[in-house]
Amino acid sequence: MVLHLLLDAEIAGVWSERDVAQALGSEAHAAHALVSLHASGLIHRLEELVFPTRPAVRFWQLEEGAGG
């Protein structure tokens, strides 16, 4: 769900960790998801900001194109 938030064309962009937690309704779930996504190489973390990596964005674009 977190990666979807970061990649969705309507709301994509740079998010703060706090905004992600608010969107999920749980700081613990957001923190766990962000750690996992970062460890997997799907997001970048810059202090309290998070945003998707280029490979994550490209995969999303390919998936959207294939599904549409």
PDB file of N, CA and C in Angstrom:
ATOM      1  N   MET A   1       0.816  -1.185   0.000  1.00  0.00           N
ATOM      2  CA  MET A   1       0.000   0.000   0.000  1.00  0.00           C
ATOM      3  C   MET A   1       0.869   1.263   0.000  1.00  0.00           C
ATOM      4  N   VAL A   2       1.964   1.238   0.728  1.00  0.00           N
ATOM      5  CA  VAL A   2       2.840   2.411   0.790  1.00  0.00           C
ATOM      6  C   VAL A   2       3.456   2.686  -0.575  1.00  0.00           C
ATOM      7  N   LEU A   3       3.928   1.650  -1.241  1.00  0.00           N
ATOM      8  CA  LEU A   3       4.516   1.857  -2.561  1.00  0.00           C
ATOM      9  C   LEU A   3       3.465   2.391  -3.525  1.00  0.00           C
ATOM     10  N   HIS A   4       2.252   1.908  -3.416  1.00  0.00           N
ATOM     11  CA  HIS A   4       1.158   2.418  -4.250  1.00  0.00           C
ATOM     12  C   HIS A   4       0.951   3.912  -4.008  1.00  0.00           C
ATOM     13  N   LEU A   5       0.978   4.340  -2.758  1.00  0.00           N
ATOM     14  CA  LEU A   5       0.845   5.768  -2.443  1.00  0.00           C
ATOM     15  C   LEU A   5       1.941   6.587  -3.113  1.00  0.00           C
ATOM     16  N   LEU A   6       3.160   6.076  -3.045  1.00  0.00           N
ATOM     17  CA  LEU A   6       4.294   6.816  -3.588  1.00  0.00           C
ATOM     18  C   LEU A   6       4.312   6.841  -5.110  1.00  0.00           C
ATOM     19  N   LEU A   7       3.677   5.863  -5.736  1.00  0.00           N
ATOM     20  CA  LEU A   7       3.721   5.755  -7.190  1.00  0.00           C
ATOM     21  C   LEU A   7       2.454   6.215  -7.897  1.00  0.00           C
ATOM     22  N   ASP A   8       1.353   6.325  -7.199  1.00  0.00           N
ATOM     23  CA  ASP A   8       0.086   6.704  -7.810  1.00  0.00           C
ATOM     24  C   ASP A   8       0.213   8.071  -8.482  1.00  0.00           C
ATOM     25  N   ALA A   9      -0.151   8.141  -9.754  1.00  0.00           N
ATOM     26  CA  ALA A   9       0.007   9.366 -10.547  1.00  0.00           C
ATOM     27  C   ALA A   9      -0.771  10.546  -9.968  1.00  0.00           C
ATOM     28  N   GLU A  10      -1.875  10.283  -9.315  1.00  0.00           N
ATOM     29  CA  GLU A  10      -2.700  11.351  -8.747  1.00  0.00           C
ATOM     30  C   GLU A  10      -2.044  12.015  -7.533  1.00  0.00           C
ATOM     31  N   ILE A  11      -1.259  11.243  -6.789  1.00  0.00           N
ATOM     32  CA  ILE A  11      -0.701  11.762  -5.538  1.00  0.00           C
ATOM     33  C   ILE A  11       0.800  11.505  -5.399  1.00  0.00           C
ATOM     34  N   ALA A  12       1.435  11.039  -6.463  1.00  0.00           N
ATOM     35  CA  ALA A  12       2.854  10.668  -6.403  1.00  0.00           C
ATOM     36  C   ALA A  12       3.735  11.874  -6.096  1.00  0.00           C
ATOM     37  N   GLY A  13       4.893  11.580  -5.580  1.00  0.00           N
ATOM     38  CA  GLY A  13       5.860  12.627  -5.287  1.00  0.00           C
ATOM     39  C   GLY A  13       6.672  12.271  -4.067  1.00  0.00           C
ATOM     40  N   VAL A  14       7.259  13.271  -3.484  1.00  0.00           N
ATOM     41  CA  VAL A  14       8.047  13.090  -2.275  1.00  0.00           C
ATOM     42  C   VAL A  14       7.099  13.200  -1.082  1.00  0.00           C
ATOM     43  N   TRP A  15       7.174  12.224  -0.216  1.00  0.00           N
ATOM     44  CA  TRP A  15       6.332  12.186   0.976  1.00  0.00           C
ATOM     45  C   TRP A  15       7.212  12.266   2.216  1.00  0.00           C
ATOM     46  N   SER A  16       6.679  12.813   3.276  1.00  0.00           N
ATOM     47  CA  SER A  16       7.375  12.724   4.557  1.00  0.00           C
ATOM     48  C   SER A  16       6.945  11.416   5.223  1.00  0.00           C
ATOM     49  N   GLU A  17       7.782  10.909   6.088  1.00  0.00           N
ATOM     50  CA  GLU A  17       7.429   9.696   6.815  1.00  0.00           C
ATOM     51  C   GLU A  17       6.152   9.918   7.624  1.00  0.00           C
ATOM     52  N   ARG A  18       5.981  11.106   8.131  1.00  0.00           N
ATOM     53  CA  ARG A  18       4.785  11.446   8.907  1.00  0.00           C
ATOM     54  C   ARG A  18       3.530  11.372   8.038  1.00  0.00           C
ATOM     55  N   ASP A  19       3.611  11.890   6.799  1.00  0.00           N
ATOM     56  CA  ASP A  19       2.465  11.837   5.885  1.00  0.00           C
ATOM     57  C   ASP A  19       2.098  10.399   5.531  1.00  0.00           C
ATOM     58  N   VAL A  20       3.104   9.565   5.343  1.00  0.00           N
ATOM     59  CA  VAL A  20       2.850   8.148   5.059  1.00  0.00           C
ATOM     60  C   VAL A  20       2.131   7.507   6.249  1.00  0.00           C
ATOM     61  N   ALA A  21       2.599   7.793   7.449  1.00  0.00           N
ATOM     62  CA  ALA A  21       1.977   7.241   8.651  1.00  0.00           C
ATOM     63  C   ALA A  21       0.529   7.708   8.775  1.00  0.00           C
ATOM     64  N   GLN A  22       0.278   8.968   8.475  1.00  0.00           N
ATOM     65  CA  GLN A  22      -1.094   9.486   8.540  1.00  0.00           C
ATOM     66  C   GLN A  22      -1.979   8.819   7.494  1.00  0.00           C
ATOM     67  N   ALA A  23      -1.447   8.607   6.298  1.00  0.00           N
ATOM     68  CA  ALA A  23      -2.221   7.966   5.235  1.00  0.00           C
ATOM     69  C   ALA A  23      -2.573   6.526   5.599  1.00  0.00           C
ATOM     70  N   LEU A  24      -1.659   5.850   6.279  1.00  0.00           N
ATOM     71  CA  LEU A  24      -1.903   4.464   6.702  1.00  0.00           C
ATOM     72  C   LEU A  24      -2.708   4.372   7.990  1.00  0.00           C
ATOM     73  N   GLY A  25      -2.648   5.425   8.769  1.00  0.00           N
ATOM     74  CA  GLY A  25      -3.332   5.391  10.059  1.00  0.00           C
ATOM     75  C   GLY A  25      -2.556   4.674  11.135  1.00  0.00           C
ATOM     76  N   SER A  26      -1.259   4.444  10.886  1.00  0.00           N
ATOM     77  CA  SER A  26      -0.440   3.725  11.869  1.00  0.00           C
ATOM     78  C   SER A  26       1.027   4.059  11.666  1.00  0.00           C
ATOM     79  N   GLU A  27       1.636   4.622  12.685  1.00  0.00           N
ATOM     80  CA  GLU A  27       3.071   4.917  12.604  1.00  0.00           C
ATOM     81  C   GLU A  27       3.895   3.640  12.532  1.00  0.00           C
ATOM     82  N   ALA A  28       3.486   2.629  13.283  1.00  0.00           N
ATOM     83  CA  ALA A  28       4.235   1.364  13.314  1.00  0.00           C
ATOM     84  C   ALA A  28       4.212   0.673  11.957  1.00  0.00           C
ATOM     85  N   HIS A  29       3.041   0.601  11.337  1.00  0.00           N
ATOM     86  CA  HIS A  29       2.935  -0.038  10.023  1.00  0.00           C
ATOM     87  C   HIS A  29       3.716   0.749   8.971  1.00  0.00           C
ATOM     88  N   ALA A  30       3.632   2.067   9.032  1.00  0.00           N
ATOM     89  CA  ALA A  30       4.365   2.903   8.082  1.00  0.00           C
ATOM     90  C   ALA A  30       5.868   2.705   8.249  1.00  0.00           C
ATOM     91  N   ALA A  31       6.345   2.712   9.469  1.00  0.00           N
ATOM     92  CA  ALA A  31       7.777   2.547   9.718  1.00  0.00           C
ATOM     93  C   ALA A  31       8.262   1.201   9.206  1.00  0.00           C
ATOM     94  N   HIS A  32       7.503   0.140   9.482  1.00  0.00           N
ATOM     95  CA  HIS A  32       7.884  -1.192   9.013  1.00  0.00           C
ATOM     96  C   HIS A  32       7.895  -1.249   7.487  1.00  0.00           C
ATOM     97  N   ALA A  33       6.874  -0.703   6.853  1.00  0.00           N
ATOM     98  CA  ALA A  33       6.793  -0.715   5.387  1.00  0.00           C
ATOM     99  C   ALA A  33       7.945   0.069   4.767  1.00  0.00           C
ATOM    100  N   LEU A  34       8.262   1.212   5.322  1.00  0.00           N
ATOM    101  CA  LEU A  34       9.332   2.042   4.768  1.00  0.00           C
ATOM    102  C   LEU A  34      10.690   1.365   4.912  1.00  0.00           C
ATOM    103  N   VAL A  35      10.932   0.733   6.035  1.00  0.00           N
ATOM    104  CA  VAL A  35      12.192   0.000   6.231  1.00  0.00           C
ATOM    105  C   VAL A  35      12.288  -1.131   5.214  1.00  0.00           C
ATOM    106  N   SER A  36      11.200  -1.868   5.030  1.00  0.00           N
ATOM    107  CA  SER A  36      11.192  -2.992   4.086  1.00  0.00           C
ATOM    108  C   SER A  36      11.379  -2.526   2.648  1.00  0.00           C
ATOM    109  N   LEU A  37      10.674  -1.476   2.265  1.00  0.00           N
ATOM    110  CA  LEU A  37      10.796  -0.958   0.895  1.00  0.00           C
ATOM    111  C   LEU A  37      12.199  -0.414   0.628  1.00  0.00           C
ATOM    112  N   HIS A  38      12.776   0.238   1.619  1.00  0.00           N
ATOM    113  CA  HIS A  38      14.138   0.764   1.461  1.00  0.00           C
ATOM    114  C   HIS A  38      15.143  -0.373   1.348  1.00  0.00           C
ATOM    115  N   ALA A  39      14.993  -1.381   2.171  1.00  0.00           N
ATOM    116  CA  ALA A  39      15.899  -2.537   2.124  1.00  0.00           C
ATOM    117  C   ALA A  39      15.787  -3.278   0.795  1.00  0.00           C
ATOM    118  N   SER A  40      14.614  -3.232   0.191  1.00  0.00           N
ATOM    119  CA  SER A  40      14.383  -3.890  -1.105  1.00  0.00           C
ATOM    120  C   SER A  40      14.825  -3.040  -2.285  1.00  0.00           C
ATOM    121  N   GLY A  41      15.247  -1.812  -2.017  1.00  0.00           N
ATOM    122  CA  GLY A  41      15.701  -0.927  -3.091  1.00  0.00           C
ATOM    123  C   GLY A  41      14.565  -0.277  -3.869  1.00  0.00           C
ATOM    124  N   LEU A  42      13.381  -0.215  -3.272  1.00  0.00           N
ATOM    125  CA  LEU A  42      12.231   0.351  -3.977  1.00  0.00           C
ATOM    126  C   LEU A  42      11.955   1.807  -3.630  1.00  0.00           C
ATOM    127  N   ILE A  43      12.535   2.289  -2.536  1.00  0.00           N
ATOM    128  CA  ILE A  43      12.397   3.702  -2.183  1.00  0.00           C
ATOM    129  C   ILE A  43      13.738   4.253  -1.722  1.00  0.00           C
ATOM    130  N   HIS A  44      13.851   5.560  -1.856  1.00  0.00           N
ATOM    131  CA  HIS A  44      14.979   6.300  -1.294  1.00  0.00           C
ATOM    132  C   HIS A  44      14.485   6.967  -0.020  1.00  0.00           C
ATOM    133  N   ARG A  45      15.388   7.114   0.932  1.00  0.00           N
ATOM    134  CA  ARG A  45      15.084   7.850   2.159  1.00  0.00           C
ATOM    135  C   ARG A  45      16.121   8.955   2.295  1.00  0.00           C
ATOM    136  N   LEU A  46      15.637  10.156   2.465  1.00  0.00           N
ATOM    137  CA  LEU A  46      16.494  11.320   2.666  1.00  0.00           C
ATOM    138  C   LEU A  46      15.976  12.050   3.894  1.00  0.00           C
ATOM    139  N   GLU A  47      16.641  11.799   5.012  1.00  0.00           N
ATOM    140  CA  GLU A  47      16.183  12.274   6.310  1.00  0.00           C
ATOM    141  C   GLU A  47      14.759  11.782   6.522  1.00  0.00           C
ATOM    142  N   GLU A  48      13.763  12.677   6.657  1.00  0.00           N
ATOM    143  CA  GLU A  48      12.395  12.219   6.900  1.00  0.00           C
ATOM    144  C   GLU A  48      11.567  12.099   5.624  1.00  0.00           C
ATOM    145  N   LEU A  49      12.199  12.279   4.465  1.00  0.00           N
ATOM    146  CA  LEU A  49      11.492  12.206   3.195  1.00  0.00           C
ATOM    147  C   LEU A  49      11.703  10.857   2.516  1.00  0.00           C
ATOM    148  N   VAL A  50      10.671  10.401   1.811  1.00  0.00           N
ATOM    149  CA  VAL A  50      10.754   9.144   1.072  1.00  0.00           C
ATOM    150  C   VAL A  50      10.185   9.345  -0.330  1.00  0.00           C
ATOM    151  N   PHE A  51      10.769   8.629  -1.293  1.00  0.00           N
ATOM    152  CA  PHE A  51      10.284   8.685  -2.663  1.00  0.00           C
ATOM    153  C   PHE A  51      10.758   7.430  -3.391  1.00  0.00           C
ATOM    154  N   PRO A  52      10.019   7.030  -4.436  1.00  0.00           N
ATOM    155  CA  PRO A  52      10.343   5.776  -5.118  1.00  0.00           C
ATOM    156  C   PRO A  52      11.627   5.864  -5.938  1.00  0.00           C
ATOM    157  N   THR A  53      12.290   4.732  -6.081  1.00  0.00           N
ATOM    158  CA  THR A  53      13.481   4.655  -6.933  1.00  0.00           C
ATOM    159  C   THR A  53      13.043   4.600  -8.397  1.00  0.00           C
ATOM    160  N   ARG A  54      13.961   4.864  -9.294  1.00  0.00           N
ATOM    161  CA  ARG A  54      13.646   4.791 -10.726  1.00  0.00           C
ATOM    162  C   ARG A  54      13.166   3.408 -11.153  1.00  0.00           C
ATOM    163  N   PRO A  55      13.806   2.329 -10.697  1.00  0.00           N
ATOM    164  CA  PRO A  55      13.291   1.007 -11.080  1.00  0.00           C
ATOM    165  C   PRO A  55      11.852   0.774 -10.615  1.00  0.00           C
ATOM    166  N   ALA A  56      11.501   1.256  -9.435  1.00  0.00           N
ATOM    167  CA  ALA A  56      10.127   1.097  -8.951  1.00  0.00           C
ATOM    168  C   ALA A  56       9.160   1.876  -9.837  1.00  0.00           C
ATOM    169  N   VAL A  57       9.537   3.087 -10.213  1.00  0.00           N
ATOM    170  CA  VAL A  57       8.689   3.907 -11.082  1.00  0.00           C
ATOM    171  C   VAL A  57       8.531   3.255 -12.445  1.00  0.00           C
ATOM    172  N   ARG A  58       9.628   2.762 -12.999  1.00  0.00           N
ATOM    173  CA  ARG A  58       9.569   2.136 -14.330  1.00  0.00           C
ATOM    174  C   ARG A  58       8.707   0.876 -14.313  1.00  0.00           C
ATOM    175  N   PHE A  59       8.855   0.061 -13.292  1.00  0.00           N
ATOM    176  CA  PHE A  59       8.023  -1.134 -13.174  1.00  0.00           C
ATOM    177  C   PHE A  59       6.551  -0.745 -13.097  1.00  0.00           C
ATOM    178  N   TRP A  60       6.239   0.279 -12.318  1.00  0.00           N
ATOM    179  CA  TRP A  60       4.873   0.763 -12.201  1.00  0.00           C
ATOM    180  C   TRP A  60       4.344   1.204 -13.567  1.00  0.00           C
ATOM    181  N   GLN A  61       5.165   1.927 -14.319  1.00  0.00           N
ATOM    182  CA  GLN A  61       4.745   2.382 -15.650  1.00  0.00           C
ATOM    183  C   GLN A  61       4.465   1.199 -16.565  1.00  0.00           C
ATOM    184  N   LEU A  62       5.315   0.201 -16.517  1.00  0.00           N
ATOM    185  CA  LEU A  62       5.114  -0.987 -17.358  1.00  0.00           C
ATOM    186  C   LEU A  62       3.847  -1.746 -16.947  1.00  0.00           C
ATOM    187  N   GLU A  63       3.609  -1.853 -15.656  1.00  0.00           N
ATOM    188  CA  GLU A  63       2.404  -2.524 -15.165  1.00  0.00           C
ATOM    189  C   GLU A  63       1.149  -1.766 -15.570  1.00  0.00           C
ATOM    190  N   GLU A  64       1.184  -0.453 -15.459  1.00  0.00           N
ATOM    191  CA  GLU A  64       0.035   0.366 -15.823  1.00  0.00           C
ATOM    192  C   GLU A  64      -0.245   0.263 -17.316  1.00  0.00           C
ATOM    193  N   GLY A  65       0.804   0.243 -18.125  1.00  0.00           N
ATOM    194  CA  GLY A  65       0.647   0.124 -19.569  1.00  0.00           C
ATOM    195  C   GLY A  65       0.090  -1.232 -19.970  1.00  0.00           C
ATOM    196  N   ALA A  66       0.523  -2.273 -19.279  1.00  0.00           N
ATOM    197  CA  ALA A  66       0.074  -3.626 -19.595  1.00  0.00           C
ATOM    198  C   ALA A  66      -1.366  -3.845 -19.163  1.00  0.00           C
ATOM    199  N   GLY A  67      -1.750  -3.182 -18.079  1.00  0.00           N
ATOM    200  CA  GLY A  67      -3.100  -3.368 -17.577  1.00  0.00           C
ATOM    201  C   GLY A  67      -4.138  -2.514 -18.271  1.00  0.00           C
ATOM    202  N   GLY A  68      -3.692  -1.468 -18.971  1.00  0.00           N
ATOM    203  CA  GLY A  68      -4.640  -0.526 -19.559  1.00  0.00           C
ATOM    204  C   GLY A  68      -4.870  -0.756 -20.946  1.00  0.00           C
TER     205      GLY A  68
END
